[in-house]
Amino acid sequence: MIDAKLYVIEYLLHGERKSFIVRAERMDNAEAWHWASCDAGVGRIGRYGREHIRKVSRPMAERFGIGEVSWRQSGG
C-alpha cells in the first residue's frame, strides 16, 4: 500500500448522514459503494490483502438502505 491515499466517503443510511475516511490505493464509484456498505455493517472487509471477497454493488447496498454515496480524496 505504498501508493495508498486517504479518501472521504459520505453516504446516507436510512436517511441519516454518515461519513468516514478510508486508506486505499484507488477509489472509484464501485469501490465507494462497497466501502460505504462495509461502514454500514453490510459489506465484508477481507482479512488478508490477497483474500478475494465479493464486493457489495450499488443495487445490493440500496436494498439495505444505503444511498447517495459520494467520495473525494482527503486534503490531508
C-alpha atoms as a PDB file:
ATOM      1  CA  MET A   1       0.000   0.000   0.000  1.00  0.00           C
ATOM      2  CA  ILE A   2       2.827   2.379  -0.838  1.00  0.00           C
ATOM      3  CA  ASP A   3       0.608   4.401  -3.190  1.00  0.00           C
ATOM      4  CA  ALA A   4      -2.368   4.461  -0.813  1.00  0.00           C
ATOM      5  CA  LYS A   5      -4.261   7.707  -0.382  1.00  0.00           C
ATOM      6  CA  LEU A   6      -6.925   8.878   2.050  1.00  0.00           C
ATOM      7  CA  TYR A   7     -10.486   9.216   0.785  1.00  0.00           C
ATOM      8  CA  VAL A   8     -13.565  10.700   2.451  1.00  0.00           C
ATOM      9  CA  ILE A   9     -16.724   8.712   1.755  1.00  0.00           C
ATOM     10  CA  GLU A  10     -20.131  10.192   2.574  1.00  0.00           C
ATOM     11  CA  TYR A  11     -23.471   8.404   2.312  1.00  0.00           C
ATOM     12  CA  LEU A  12     -26.984   8.111   3.703  1.00  0.00           C
ATOM     13  CA  LEU A  13     -28.046   5.168   5.848  1.00  0.00           C
ATOM     14  CA  HIS A  14     -31.838   5.079   6.276  1.00  0.00           C
ATOM     15  CA  GLY A  15     -31.869   8.863   5.794  1.00  0.00           C
ATOM     16  CA  GLU A  16     -29.080   9.585   8.295  1.00  0.00           C
ATOM     17  CA  ARG A  17     -25.870  11.212   7.005  1.00  0.00           C
ATOM     18  CA  LYS A  18     -22.670   9.258   7.609  1.00  0.00           C
ATOM     19  CA  SER A  19     -19.058   9.843   6.644  1.00  0.00           C
ATOM     20  CA  PHE A  20     -15.699   8.207   7.230  1.00  0.00           C
ATOM     21  CA  ILE A  21     -12.146   8.159   5.908  1.00  0.00           C
ATOM     22  CA  VAL A  22     -10.541   5.118   4.299  1.00  0.00           C
ATOM     23  CA  ARG A  23      -6.995   4.494   3.069  1.00  0.00           C
ATOM     24  CA  ALA A  24      -6.929   2.810  -0.342  1.00  0.00           C
ATOM     25  CA  GLU A  25      -4.674   2.524  -3.373  1.00  0.00           C
ATOM     26  CA  ARG A  26      -7.509   3.509  -5.706  1.00  0.00           C
ATOM     27  CA  MET A  27     -11.083   4.721  -5.475  1.00  0.00           C
ATOM     28  CA  ASP A  28     -13.988   4.821  -7.889  1.00  0.00           C
ATOM     29  CA  ASN A  29     -17.765   4.779  -7.516  1.00  0.00           C
ATOM     30  CA  ALA A  30     -17.981   0.977  -7.231  1.00  0.00           C
ATOM     31  CA  GLU A  31     -15.287   0.935  -4.520  1.00  0.00           C
ATOM     32  CA  ALA A  32     -17.025   3.782  -2.658  1.00  0.00           C
ATOM     33  CA  TRP A  33     -20.351   1.906  -2.609  1.00  0.00           C
ATOM     34  CA  HIS A  34     -18.589  -1.191  -1.295  1.00  0.00           C
ATOM     35  CA  TRP A  35     -16.755   0.763   1.447  1.00  0.00           C
ATOM     36  CA  ALA A  36     -19.967   2.548   2.453  1.00  0.00           C
ATOM     37  CA  SER A  37     -21.602  -0.874   2.768  1.00  0.00           C
ATOM     38  CA  CYS A  38     -18.734  -2.046   4.968  1.00  0.00           C
ATOM     39  CA  ASP A  39     -19.090   1.011   7.207  1.00  0.00           C
ATOM     40  CA  ALA A  40     -22.836   0.356   7.462  1.00  0.00           C
ATOM     41  CA  GLY A  41     -22.226  -3.253   8.516  1.00  0.00           C
ATOM     42  CA  VAL A  42     -23.473  -4.839   5.298  1.00  0.00           C
ATOM     43  CA  GLY A  43     -20.241  -5.453   3.395  1.00  0.00           C
ATOM     44  CA  ARG A  44     -17.230  -7.501   4.370  1.00  0.00           C
ATOM     45  CA  ILE A  45     -13.575  -6.485   4.517  1.00  0.00           C
ATOM     46  CA  GLY A  46     -11.136  -9.260   3.645  1.00  0.00           C
ATOM     47  CA  ARG A  47      -8.800 -10.446   6.383  1.00  0.00           C
ATOM     48  CA  TYR A  48      -5.773 -10.659   4.158  1.00  0.00           C
ATOM     49  CA  GLY A  49      -4.618  -8.386   1.364  1.00  0.00           C
ATOM     50  CA  ARG A  50      -4.988 -11.163  -1.190  1.00  0.00           C
ATOM     51  CA  GLU A  51      -8.255 -12.626   0.070  1.00  0.00           C
ATOM     52  CA  HIS A  52     -10.841 -12.318  -2.706  1.00  0.00           C
ATOM     53  CA  ILE A  53     -14.197 -11.139  -1.411  1.00  0.00           C
ATOM     54  CA  ARG A  54     -17.358 -10.330  -3.283  1.00  0.00           C
ATOM     55  CA  LYS A  55     -17.901  -6.569  -3.368  1.00  0.00           C
ATOM     56  CA  VAL A  56     -21.292  -5.114  -2.489  1.00  0.00           C
ATOM     57  CA  SER A  57     -22.857  -3.497  -5.557  1.00  0.00           C
ATOM     58  CA  ARG A  58     -24.911  -0.316  -5.593  1.00  0.00           C
ATOM     59  CA  PRO A  59     -28.251  -2.149  -6.118  1.00  0.00           C
ATOM     60  CA  MET A  60     -27.492  -4.501  -3.210  1.00  0.00           C
ATOM     61  CA  ALA A  61     -26.440  -1.599  -0.971  1.00  0.00           C
ATOM     62  CA  GLU A  62     -29.618   0.290  -1.826  1.00  0.00           C
ATOM     63  CA  ARG A  63     -31.675  -2.704  -0.674  1.00  0.00           C
ATOM     64  CA  PHE A  64     -30.125  -2.240   2.772  1.00  0.00           C
ATOM     65  CA  GLY A  65     -30.997   1.472   2.974  1.00  0.00           C
ATOM     66  CA  ILE A  66     -27.692   2.915   1.741  1.00  0.00           C
ATOM     67  CA  GLY A  67     -27.880   5.819  -0.696  1.00  0.00           C
ATOM     68  CA  GLU A  68     -26.291   8.978  -2.077  1.00  0.00           C
ATOM     69  CA  VAL A  69     -22.722   7.663  -1.827  1.00  0.00           C
ATOM     70  CA  SER A  70     -20.062  10.201  -2.760  1.00  0.00           C
ATOM     71  CA  TRP A  71     -16.322  10.246  -2.343  1.00  0.00           C
ATOM     72  CA  ARG A  72     -13.355  12.596  -2.656  1.00  0.00           C
ATOM     73  CA  GLN A  73      -9.673  12.491  -1.916  1.00  0.00           C
ATOM     74  CA  SER A  74      -8.849  13.862   1.515  1.00  0.00           C
ATOM     75  CA  GLY A  75      -6.999  17.159   1.622  1.00  0.00           C
ATOM     76  CA  GLY A  76      -4.562  15.884   4.241  1.00  0.00           C
END
